[in-house]
Amino acid sequence: EVFDEADKDGSGEIDTAELAQSLQKTNLGEAAADMFRAIDKDGTKSLDFSEYLKVYYRFATTDDIREMMSWAYPAKEEKKAVAKTLTAEQRAEIKSIFVLYDANNNGTLCKKELTEALTATGYDDEEVEDMFEDFDEDGSGEIDFEEFCKMLESSYLD
């Protein structure tokens, strides 16, 4: 918190001006430039959090500093991808939409059927064409029920 308060621009580093500004509240304000030079061991003209910790905890070992860094910046846990699938109820709802769009009742949607249905819901012809190309996985020129489910999955699962 002390580091973040001194890091006025949120860059993750403290420069001379930021150190001087944070020390104005103390009797060390005038010594900020000298202090900065003494603390900035790598000569980058900025202090990162690990350098800051080394000043405050000068007897801390490298492992101690690493542990303190992990408190401030914990390792991000990788989220396991959970395979989302449509429920039976959602599939039934999608099936009723599919049957409604399947004007010739052949069990698939041709481009014309899909275009007529989706342009009525606000999509333009180009968007429908793109969707058709993306979801006609078998290249049959028609969208079957499974392909249609994949097309609508993101609407149901996100």
N, C-alpha and C. Protein backbone atom coordinates (compact mmCIF):
# COMPACT_ATOMS: atom_id res chain seq x y z
N GLU A 1 0.82 -1.19 0.00
CA GLU A 1 0.00 0.00 0.00
C GLU A 1 0.87 1.26 0.00
N VAL A 2 1.94 1.22 0.78
CA VAL A 2 2.84 2.38 0.83
C VAL A 2 3.47 2.60 -0.53
N PHE A 3 3.91 1.52 -1.17
CA PHE A 3 4.50 1.61 -2.50
C PHE A 3 3.48 2.16 -3.49
N ASP A 4 2.29 1.59 -3.48
CA ASP A 4 1.25 2.03 -4.42
C ASP A 4 0.89 3.49 -4.21
N GLU A 5 0.90 3.95 -2.96
CA GLU A 5 0.59 5.35 -2.68
C GLU A 5 1.68 6.27 -3.26
N ALA A 6 2.92 5.82 -3.19
CA ALA A 6 4.03 6.63 -3.73
C ALA A 6 4.05 6.58 -5.25
N ASP A 7 3.58 5.49 -5.83
CA ASP A 7 3.57 5.30 -7.29
C ASP A 7 2.37 6.04 -7.87
N LYS A 8 2.47 7.34 -7.96
CA LYS A 8 1.33 8.20 -8.35
C LYS A 8 0.77 7.88 -9.73
N ASP A 9 1.64 7.53 -10.68
CA ASP A 9 1.15 7.29 -12.04
C ASP A 9 0.74 5.84 -12.28
N GLY A 10 0.89 4.97 -11.27
CA GLY A 10 0.46 3.58 -11.39
C GLY A 10 1.30 2.75 -12.34
N SER A 11 2.54 3.19 -12.59
CA SER A 11 3.39 2.49 -13.55
C SER A 11 4.05 1.23 -12.99
N GLY A 12 3.96 1.05 -11.66
CA GLY A 12 4.64 -0.09 -11.04
C GLY A 12 6.06 0.25 -10.64
N GLU A 13 6.45 1.50 -10.84
CA GLU A 13 7.78 1.98 -10.47
C GLU A 13 7.65 3.38 -9.88
N ILE A 14 8.60 3.72 -9.02
CA ILE A 14 8.61 5.05 -8.41
C ILE A 14 9.82 5.80 -8.96
N ASP A 15 9.58 7.00 -9.48
CA ASP A 15 10.71 7.81 -9.97
C ASP A 15 11.07 8.85 -8.90
N THR A 16 12.08 9.63 -9.16
CA THR A 16 12.58 10.61 -8.19
C THR A 16 11.48 11.57 -7.74
N ALA A 17 10.71 12.07 -8.69
CA ALA A 17 9.65 13.03 -8.36
C ALA A 17 8.60 12.40 -7.46
N GLU A 18 8.22 11.16 -7.76
CA GLU A 18 7.22 10.49 -6.93
C GLU A 18 7.75 10.25 -5.52
N LEU A 19 9.02 9.87 -5.41
CA LEU A 19 9.61 9.66 -4.08
C LEU A 19 9.64 10.98 -3.31
N ALA A 20 10.05 12.04 -3.97
CA ALA A 20 10.10 13.36 -3.32
C ALA A 20 8.71 13.76 -2.85
N GLN A 21 7.71 13.55 -3.70
CA GLN A 21 6.34 13.92 -3.34
C GLN A 21 5.84 13.11 -2.15
N SER A 22 6.15 11.81 -2.13
CA SER A 22 5.68 10.99 -1.01
C SER A 22 6.42 11.30 0.28
N LEU A 23 7.65 11.82 0.17
CA LEU A 23 8.43 12.14 1.37
C LEU A 23 8.18 13.56 1.87
N GLN A 24 7.42 14.36 1.13
CA GLN A 24 7.12 15.73 1.55
C GLN A 24 6.41 15.75 2.90
N LYS A 25 5.67 14.72 3.18
CA LYS A 25 4.92 14.64 4.43
C LYS A 25 5.84 14.37 5.62
N THR A 26 7.06 13.99 5.35
CA THR A 26 8.01 13.66 6.42
C THR A 26 9.12 14.70 6.46
N ASN A 27 10.02 14.51 7.39
CA ASN A 27 11.16 15.41 7.45
C ASN A 27 12.28 14.99 6.50
N LEU A 28 12.01 13.99 5.65
CA LEU A 28 13.01 13.49 4.70
C LEU A 28 12.84 14.07 3.30
N GLY A 29 11.86 14.92 3.10
CA GLY A 29 11.54 15.45 1.78
C GLY A 29 12.72 16.04 1.04
N GLU A 30 13.56 16.79 1.74
CA GLU A 30 14.69 17.44 1.08
C GLU A 30 15.78 16.45 0.70
N ALA A 31 15.81 15.32 1.34
CA ALA A 31 16.85 14.32 1.08
C ALA A 31 16.42 13.31 0.01
N ALA A 32 15.27 13.53 -0.63
CA ALA A 32 14.71 12.55 -1.56
C ALA A 32 15.67 12.20 -2.69
N ALA A 33 16.31 13.18 -3.31
CA ALA A 33 17.19 12.92 -4.45
C ALA A 33 18.38 12.05 -4.03
N ASP A 34 18.98 12.38 -2.87
CA ASP A 34 20.11 11.58 -2.39
C ASP A 34 19.66 10.17 -2.03
N MET A 35 18.52 10.09 -1.38
CA MET A 35 17.99 8.77 -1.02
C MET A 35 17.73 7.94 -2.27
N PHE A 36 17.15 8.59 -3.26
CA PHE A 36 16.82 7.88 -4.49
C PHE A 36 18.08 7.28 -5.13
N ARG A 37 19.13 8.07 -5.22
CA ARG A 37 20.38 7.57 -5.81
C ARG A 37 20.92 6.39 -5.02
N ALA A 38 20.79 6.42 -3.71
CA ALA A 38 21.28 5.33 -2.87
C ALA A 38 20.44 4.06 -3.03
N ILE A 39 19.15 4.25 -3.23
CA ILE A 39 18.24 3.11 -3.34
C ILE A 39 18.28 2.50 -4.74
N ASP A 40 18.41 3.31 -5.76
CA ASP A 40 18.35 2.86 -7.16
C ASP A 40 19.64 2.13 -7.53
N LYS A 41 19.77 0.90 -7.06
CA LYS A 41 21.00 0.13 -7.22
C LYS A 41 21.29 -0.21 -8.69
N ASP A 42 20.25 -0.40 -9.48
CA ASP A 42 20.49 -0.77 -10.88
C ASP A 42 20.60 0.44 -11.81
N GLY A 43 20.45 1.64 -11.28
CA GLY A 43 20.66 2.86 -12.05
C GLY A 43 19.62 3.14 -13.11
N THR A 44 18.43 2.60 -12.97
CA THR A 44 17.38 2.79 -13.99
C THR A 44 16.60 4.09 -13.82
N LYS A 45 16.89 4.83 -12.76
CA LYS A 45 16.18 6.08 -12.46
C LYS A 45 14.73 5.84 -12.06
N SER A 46 14.45 4.60 -11.65
CA SER A 46 13.14 4.26 -11.11
C SER A 46 13.31 3.08 -10.16
N LEU A 47 12.40 2.98 -9.22
CA LEU A 47 12.44 1.90 -8.25
C LEU A 47 11.26 0.99 -8.49
N ASP A 48 11.53 -0.29 -8.67
CA ASP A 48 10.41 -1.21 -8.75
C ASP A 48 10.12 -1.73 -7.34
N PHE A 49 9.09 -2.53 -7.22
CA PHE A 49 8.65 -2.97 -5.90
C PHE A 49 9.72 -3.80 -5.18
N SER A 50 10.45 -4.63 -5.90
CA SER A 50 11.47 -5.45 -5.24
C SER A 50 12.59 -4.57 -4.67
N GLU A 51 12.98 -3.51 -5.38
CA GLU A 51 13.99 -2.59 -4.85
C GLU A 51 13.45 -1.88 -3.60
N TYR A 52 12.20 -1.54 -3.66
CA TYR A 52 11.55 -0.87 -2.54
C TYR A 52 11.56 -1.79 -1.31
N LEU A 53 11.23 -3.07 -1.51
CA LEU A 53 11.25 -4.03 -0.41
C LEU A 53 12.66 -4.18 0.18
N LYS A 54 13.65 -4.19 -0.69
CA LYS A 54 15.04 -4.35 -0.23
C LYS A 54 15.47 -3.20 0.67
N VAL A 55 14.92 -2.01 0.46
CA VAL A 55 15.23 -0.86 1.31
C VAL A 55 14.55 -1.02 2.67
N TYR A 56 13.29 -1.37 2.64
CA TYR A 56 12.54 -1.50 3.89
C TYR A 56 12.98 -2.71 4.70
N TYR A 57 13.36 -3.77 4.03
CA TYR A 57 13.76 -5.01 4.71
C TYR A 57 15.19 -5.34 4.29
N ARG A 58 16.12 -4.52 4.71
CA ARG A 58 17.49 -4.64 4.22
C ARG A 58 18.19 -5.91 4.65
N PHE A 59 17.68 -6.62 5.67
CA PHE A 59 18.31 -7.87 6.09
C PHE A 59 17.58 -9.09 5.50
N ALA A 60 16.61 -8.84 4.68
CA ALA A 60 15.86 -9.94 4.05
C ALA A 60 16.72 -10.62 2.99
N THR A 61 16.60 -11.92 2.91
CA THR A 61 17.32 -12.67 1.89
C THR A 61 16.59 -12.56 0.56
N THR A 62 17.24 -13.03 -0.48
CA THR A 62 16.59 -13.05 -1.80
C THR A 62 15.30 -13.85 -1.75
N ASP A 63 15.33 -14.98 -1.04
CA ASP A 63 14.11 -15.79 -0.91
C ASP A 63 13.03 -15.05 -0.15
N ASP A 64 13.41 -14.28 0.89
CA ASP A 64 12.44 -13.49 1.63
C ASP A 64 11.77 -12.46 0.72
N ILE A 65 12.58 -11.76 -0.07
CA ILE A 65 12.05 -10.75 -1.00
C ILE A 65 11.12 -11.42 -2.01
N ARG A 66 11.53 -12.57 -2.53
CA ARG A 66 10.71 -13.30 -3.50
C ARG A 66 9.36 -13.67 -2.87
N GLU A 67 9.40 -14.11 -1.62
CA GLU A 67 8.15 -14.47 -0.93
C GLU A 67 7.27 -13.24 -0.74
N MET A 68 7.86 -12.12 -0.33
CA MET A 68 7.08 -10.90 -0.16
C MET A 68 6.49 -10.43 -1.49
N MET A 69 7.26 -10.57 -2.56
CA MET A 69 6.75 -10.22 -3.89
C MET A 69 5.53 -11.08 -4.23
N SER A 70 5.57 -12.35 -3.84
CA SER A 70 4.45 -13.24 -4.15
C SER A 70 3.19 -12.86 -3.38
N TRP A 71 3.37 -12.21 -2.23
CA TRP A 71 2.19 -11.74 -1.49
C TRP A 71 1.52 -10.60 -2.24
N ALA A 72 2.33 -9.72 -2.79
CA ALA A 72 1.79 -8.57 -3.52
C ALA A 72 1.33 -8.95 -4.93
N TYR A 73 2.05 -9.88 -5.54
CA TYR A 73 1.74 -10.30 -6.90
C TYR A 73 1.64 -11.82 -6.93
N PRO A 74 0.54 -12.37 -6.40
CA PRO A 74 0.42 -13.84 -6.37
C PRO A 74 0.39 -14.41 -7.78
N ALA A 75 0.94 -15.61 -7.88
CA ALA A 75 0.93 -16.30 -9.18
C ALA A 75 -0.51 -16.53 -9.58
N LYS A 76 -0.78 -16.27 -10.83
CA LYS A 76 -2.14 -16.47 -11.32
C LYS A 76 -2.37 -17.96 -11.54
N GLU A 77 -3.45 -18.42 -10.94
CA GLU A 77 -3.80 -19.82 -11.13
C GLU A 77 -4.48 -19.97 -12.48
N GLU A 78 -4.05 -20.99 -13.17
CA GLU A 78 -4.70 -21.25 -14.46
C GLU A 78 -6.06 -21.87 -14.20
N LYS A 79 -7.03 -21.26 -14.79
CA LYS A 79 -8.37 -21.80 -14.65
C LYS A 79 -8.51 -22.98 -15.59
N LYS A 80 -8.99 -24.06 -15.05
CA LYS A 80 -9.22 -25.22 -15.89
C LYS A 80 -10.44 -24.97 -16.74
N ALA A 81 -10.28 -25.24 -17.99
CA ALA A 81 -11.40 -25.05 -18.90
C ALA A 81 -12.47 -26.10 -18.61
N VAL A 82 -13.63 -25.62 -18.30
CA VAL A 82 -14.73 -26.52 -18.04
C VAL A 82 -15.54 -26.61 -19.33
N ALA A 83 -15.64 -27.81 -19.82
CA ALA A 83 -16.38 -27.99 -21.06
C ALA A 83 -17.86 -27.76 -20.78
N LYS A 84 -18.38 -26.73 -21.42
CA LYS A 84 -19.79 -26.42 -21.24
C LYS A 84 -20.57 -27.13 -22.33
N THR A 85 -21.65 -27.71 -21.94
CA THR A 85 -22.51 -28.37 -22.92
C THR A 85 -23.95 -27.92 -22.71
N LEU A 86 -24.69 -28.00 -23.75
CA LEU A 86 -26.10 -27.63 -23.68
C LEU A 86 -26.86 -28.66 -22.86
N THR A 87 -27.82 -28.18 -22.09
CA THR A 87 -28.67 -29.09 -21.33
C THR A 87 -29.72 -29.66 -22.29
N ALA A 88 -30.39 -30.69 -21.86
CA ALA A 88 -31.45 -31.30 -22.68
C ALA A 88 -32.55 -30.27 -22.94
N GLU A 89 -32.83 -29.45 -21.95
CA GLU A 89 -33.84 -28.41 -22.09
C GLU A 89 -33.44 -27.38 -23.16
N GLN A 90 -32.16 -26.98 -23.13
CA GLN A 90 -31.67 -26.02 -24.12
C GLN A 90 -31.69 -26.62 -25.52
N ARG A 91 -31.29 -27.89 -25.63
CA ARG A 91 -31.32 -28.56 -26.94
C ARG A 91 -32.75 -28.64 -27.47
N ALA A 92 -33.71 -28.88 -26.58
CA ALA A 92 -35.11 -28.95 -27.00
C ALA A 92 -35.58 -27.59 -27.50
N GLU A 93 -35.17 -26.53 -26.82
CA GLU A 93 -35.53 -25.19 -27.27
C GLU A 93 -34.91 -24.88 -28.63
N ILE A 94 -33.65 -25.23 -28.80
CA ILE A 94 -32.97 -25.01 -30.08
C ILE A 94 -33.63 -25.85 -31.17
N LYS A 95 -34.05 -27.06 -30.83
CA LYS A 95 -34.73 -27.93 -31.81
C LYS A 95 -36.02 -27.26 -32.29
N SER A 96 -36.75 -26.65 -31.38
CA SER A 96 -38.01 -26.00 -31.80
C SER A 96 -37.73 -24.81 -32.72
N ILE A 97 -36.63 -24.08 -32.46
CA ILE A 97 -36.24 -22.98 -33.35
C ILE A 97 -35.83 -23.53 -34.71
N PHE A 98 -35.05 -24.62 -34.68
CA PHE A 98 -34.57 -25.24 -35.92
C PHE A 98 -35.77 -25.68 -36.78
N VAL A 99 -36.73 -26.34 -36.18
CA VAL A 99 -37.91 -26.82 -36.91
C VAL A 99 -38.70 -25.64 -37.50
N LEU A 100 -38.76 -24.56 -36.74
CA LEU A 100 -39.45 -23.36 -37.22
C LEU A 100 -38.76 -22.79 -38.46
N TYR A 101 -37.43 -22.76 -38.44
CA TYR A 101 -36.66 -22.22 -39.56
C TYR A 101 -36.63 -23.16 -40.77
N ASP A 102 -36.79 -24.45 -40.55
CA ASP A 102 -36.71 -25.46 -41.61
C ASP A 102 -38.02 -25.47 -42.41
N ALA A 103 -38.16 -24.48 -43.30
CA ALA A 103 -39.42 -24.26 -44.03
C ALA A 103 -39.84 -25.45 -44.89
N ASN A 104 -38.86 -26.16 -45.48
CA ASN A 104 -39.23 -27.28 -46.36
C ASN A 104 -39.24 -28.62 -45.63
N ASN A 105 -39.05 -28.60 -44.32
CA ASN A 105 -39.14 -29.79 -43.46
C ASN A 105 -38.25 -30.94 -43.90
N ASN A 106 -37.03 -30.62 -44.40
CA ASN A 106 -36.13 -31.71 -44.82
C ASN A 106 -35.08 -32.05 -43.76
N GLY A 107 -35.12 -31.38 -42.60
CA GLY A 107 -34.19 -31.70 -41.52
C GLY A 107 -32.88 -30.96 -41.59
N THR A 108 -32.74 -30.05 -42.55
CA THR A 108 -31.54 -29.21 -42.64
C THR A 108 -31.99 -27.80 -43.03
N LEU A 109 -31.07 -26.84 -42.82
CA LEU A 109 -31.36 -25.46 -43.22
C LEU A 109 -30.44 -25.09 -44.37
N CYS A 110 -31.05 -24.70 -45.49
CA CYS A 110 -30.24 -24.21 -46.59
C CYS A 110 -29.96 -22.73 -46.35
N LYS A 111 -29.11 -22.15 -47.18
CA LYS A 111 -28.75 -20.73 -46.99
C LYS A 111 -29.99 -19.85 -47.03
N LYS A 112 -30.91 -20.15 -47.95
CA LYS A 112 -32.11 -19.33 -48.09
C LYS A 112 -32.94 -19.35 -46.82
N GLU A 113 -33.14 -20.55 -46.25
CA GLU A 113 -33.94 -20.66 -45.02
C GLU A 113 -33.27 -19.91 -43.86
N LEU A 114 -31.96 -20.09 -43.73
CA LEU A 114 -31.24 -19.44 -42.64
C LEU A 114 -31.24 -17.92 -42.83
N THR A 115 -31.06 -17.48 -44.06
CA THR A 115 -31.05 -16.04 -44.34
C THR A 115 -32.40 -15.43 -44.04
N GLU A 116 -33.48 -16.06 -44.49
CA GLU A 116 -34.83 -15.53 -44.23
C GLU A 116 -35.10 -15.45 -42.73
N ALA A 117 -34.69 -16.48 -42.00
CA ALA A 117 -34.96 -16.51 -40.56
C ALA A 117 -34.12 -15.47 -39.82
N LEU A 118 -32.84 -15.40 -40.13
CA LEU A 118 -31.95 -14.53 -39.35
C LEU A 118 -32.02 -13.06 -39.75
N THR A 119 -32.34 -12.77 -41.01
CA THR A 119 -32.50 -11.36 -41.38
C THR A 119 -33.74 -10.79 -40.69
N ALA A 120 -34.71 -11.64 -40.41
CA ALA A 120 -35.91 -11.20 -39.70
C ALA A 120 -35.59 -10.87 -38.24
N THR A 121 -34.46 -11.39 -37.73
CA THR A 121 -34.07 -11.11 -36.34
C THR A 121 -33.02 -10.01 -36.25
N GLY A 122 -32.65 -9.39 -37.39
CA GLY A 122 -31.75 -8.26 -37.35
C GLY A 122 -30.39 -8.47 -37.98
N TYR A 123 -30.07 -9.69 -38.40
CA TYR A 123 -28.78 -9.92 -39.07
C TYR A 123 -28.89 -9.47 -40.52
N ASP A 124 -27.75 -9.04 -41.10
CA ASP A 124 -27.78 -8.71 -42.52
C ASP A 124 -27.29 -9.93 -43.32
N ASP A 125 -27.46 -9.87 -44.63
CA ASP A 125 -27.12 -11.01 -45.49
C ASP A 125 -25.67 -11.45 -45.34
N GLU A 126 -24.77 -10.49 -45.22
CA GLU A 126 -23.34 -10.81 -45.11
C GLU A 126 -23.04 -11.55 -43.81
N GLU A 127 -23.66 -11.12 -42.72
CA GLU A 127 -23.46 -11.79 -41.44
C GLU A 127 -23.97 -13.23 -41.49
N VAL A 128 -25.11 -13.42 -42.11
CA VAL A 128 -25.67 -14.77 -42.24
C VAL A 128 -24.76 -15.63 -43.10
N GLU A 129 -24.24 -15.07 -44.18
CA GLU A 129 -23.31 -15.80 -45.05
C GLU A 129 -22.08 -16.24 -44.27
N ASP A 130 -21.52 -15.33 -43.47
CA ASP A 130 -20.34 -15.66 -42.65
C ASP A 130 -20.66 -16.77 -41.66
N MET A 131 -21.82 -16.66 -41.01
CA MET A 131 -22.21 -17.69 -40.04
C MET A 131 -22.39 -19.04 -40.75
N PHE A 132 -22.99 -19.00 -41.92
CA PHE A 132 -23.22 -20.23 -42.66
C PHE A 132 -21.88 -20.91 -42.98
N GLU A 133 -20.93 -20.12 -43.46
CA GLU A 133 -19.61 -20.67 -43.78
C GLU A 133 -18.91 -21.21 -42.54
N ASP A 134 -19.05 -20.49 -41.42
CA ASP A 134 -18.39 -20.91 -40.18
C ASP A 134 -18.97 -22.20 -39.61
N PHE A 135 -20.27 -22.40 -39.75
CA PHE A 135 -20.91 -23.52 -39.07
C PHE A 135 -21.31 -24.69 -39.97
N ASP A 136 -21.16 -24.54 -41.26
CA ASP A 136 -21.39 -25.68 -42.16
C ASP A 136 -20.12 -26.52 -42.16
N GLU A 137 -19.92 -27.24 -41.06
CA GLU A 137 -18.66 -27.94 -40.83
C GLU A 137 -18.37 -29.04 -41.85
N ASP A 138 -19.40 -29.70 -42.32
CA ASP A 138 -19.17 -30.79 -43.27
C ASP A 138 -19.16 -30.33 -44.72
N GLY A 139 -19.38 -29.03 -44.95
CA GLY A 139 -19.33 -28.48 -46.29
C GLY A 139 -20.46 -28.93 -47.19
N SER A 140 -21.56 -29.36 -46.59
CA SER A 140 -22.68 -29.89 -47.37
C SER A 140 -23.53 -28.82 -48.04
N GLY A 141 -23.32 -27.55 -47.64
CA GLY A 141 -24.16 -26.49 -48.19
C GLY A 141 -25.46 -26.34 -47.42
N GLU A 142 -25.56 -27.09 -46.32
CA GLU A 142 -26.74 -27.01 -45.46
C GLU A 142 -26.29 -27.11 -44.01
N ILE A 143 -27.10 -26.55 -43.13
CA ILE A 143 -26.82 -26.62 -41.70
C ILE A 143 -27.73 -27.68 -41.11
N ASP A 144 -27.12 -28.73 -40.53
CA ASP A 144 -27.94 -29.74 -39.86
C ASP A 144 -28.17 -29.33 -38.41
N PHE A 145 -28.92 -30.12 -37.68
CA PHE A 145 -29.28 -29.74 -36.31
C PHE A 145 -28.05 -29.59 -35.42
N GLU A 146 -27.08 -30.49 -35.51
CA GLU A 146 -25.88 -30.39 -34.66
C GLU A 146 -25.09 -29.13 -34.98
N GLU A 147 -24.97 -28.80 -36.25
CA GLU A 147 -24.27 -27.57 -36.64
C GLU A 147 -25.03 -26.34 -36.13
N PHE A 148 -26.37 -26.41 -36.18
CA PHE A 148 -27.19 -25.32 -35.69
C PHE A 148 -27.02 -25.15 -34.18
N CYS A 149 -26.92 -26.27 -33.46
CA CYS A 149 -26.67 -26.21 -32.01
C CYS A 149 -25.35 -25.50 -31.73
N LYS A 150 -24.32 -25.84 -32.49
CA LYS A 150 -23.02 -25.19 -32.30
C LYS A 150 -23.11 -23.70 -32.59
N MET A 151 -23.93 -23.35 -33.56
CA MET A 151 -24.11 -21.95 -33.93
C MET A 151 -24.73 -21.17 -32.76
N LEU A 152 -25.66 -21.79 -32.07
CA LEU A 152 -26.36 -21.10 -31.00
C LEU A 152 -25.76 -21.33 -29.60
N GLU A 153 -24.80 -22.25 -29.49
CA GLU A 153 -24.21 -22.59 -28.19
C GLU A 153 -23.74 -21.36 -27.42
N SER A 154 -23.02 -20.46 -28.07
CA SER A 154 -22.49 -19.31 -27.34
C SER A 154 -23.58 -18.45 -26.74
N SER A 155 -24.74 -18.40 -27.38
CA SER A 155 -25.86 -17.63 -26.83
C SER A 155 -26.40 -18.28 -25.56
N TYR A 156 -26.31 -19.58 -25.50
CA TYR A 156 -26.86 -20.32 -24.36
C TYR A 156 -25.85 -20.54 -23.25
N LEU A 157 -24.58 -20.62 -23.58
CA LEU A 157 -23.58 -21.02 -22.58
C LEU A 157 -22.77 -19.88 -22.00
N ASP A 158 -22.76 -18.72 -22.60
CA ASP A 158 -21.94 -17.62 -22.07
C ASP A 158 -22.65 -16.85 -21.00
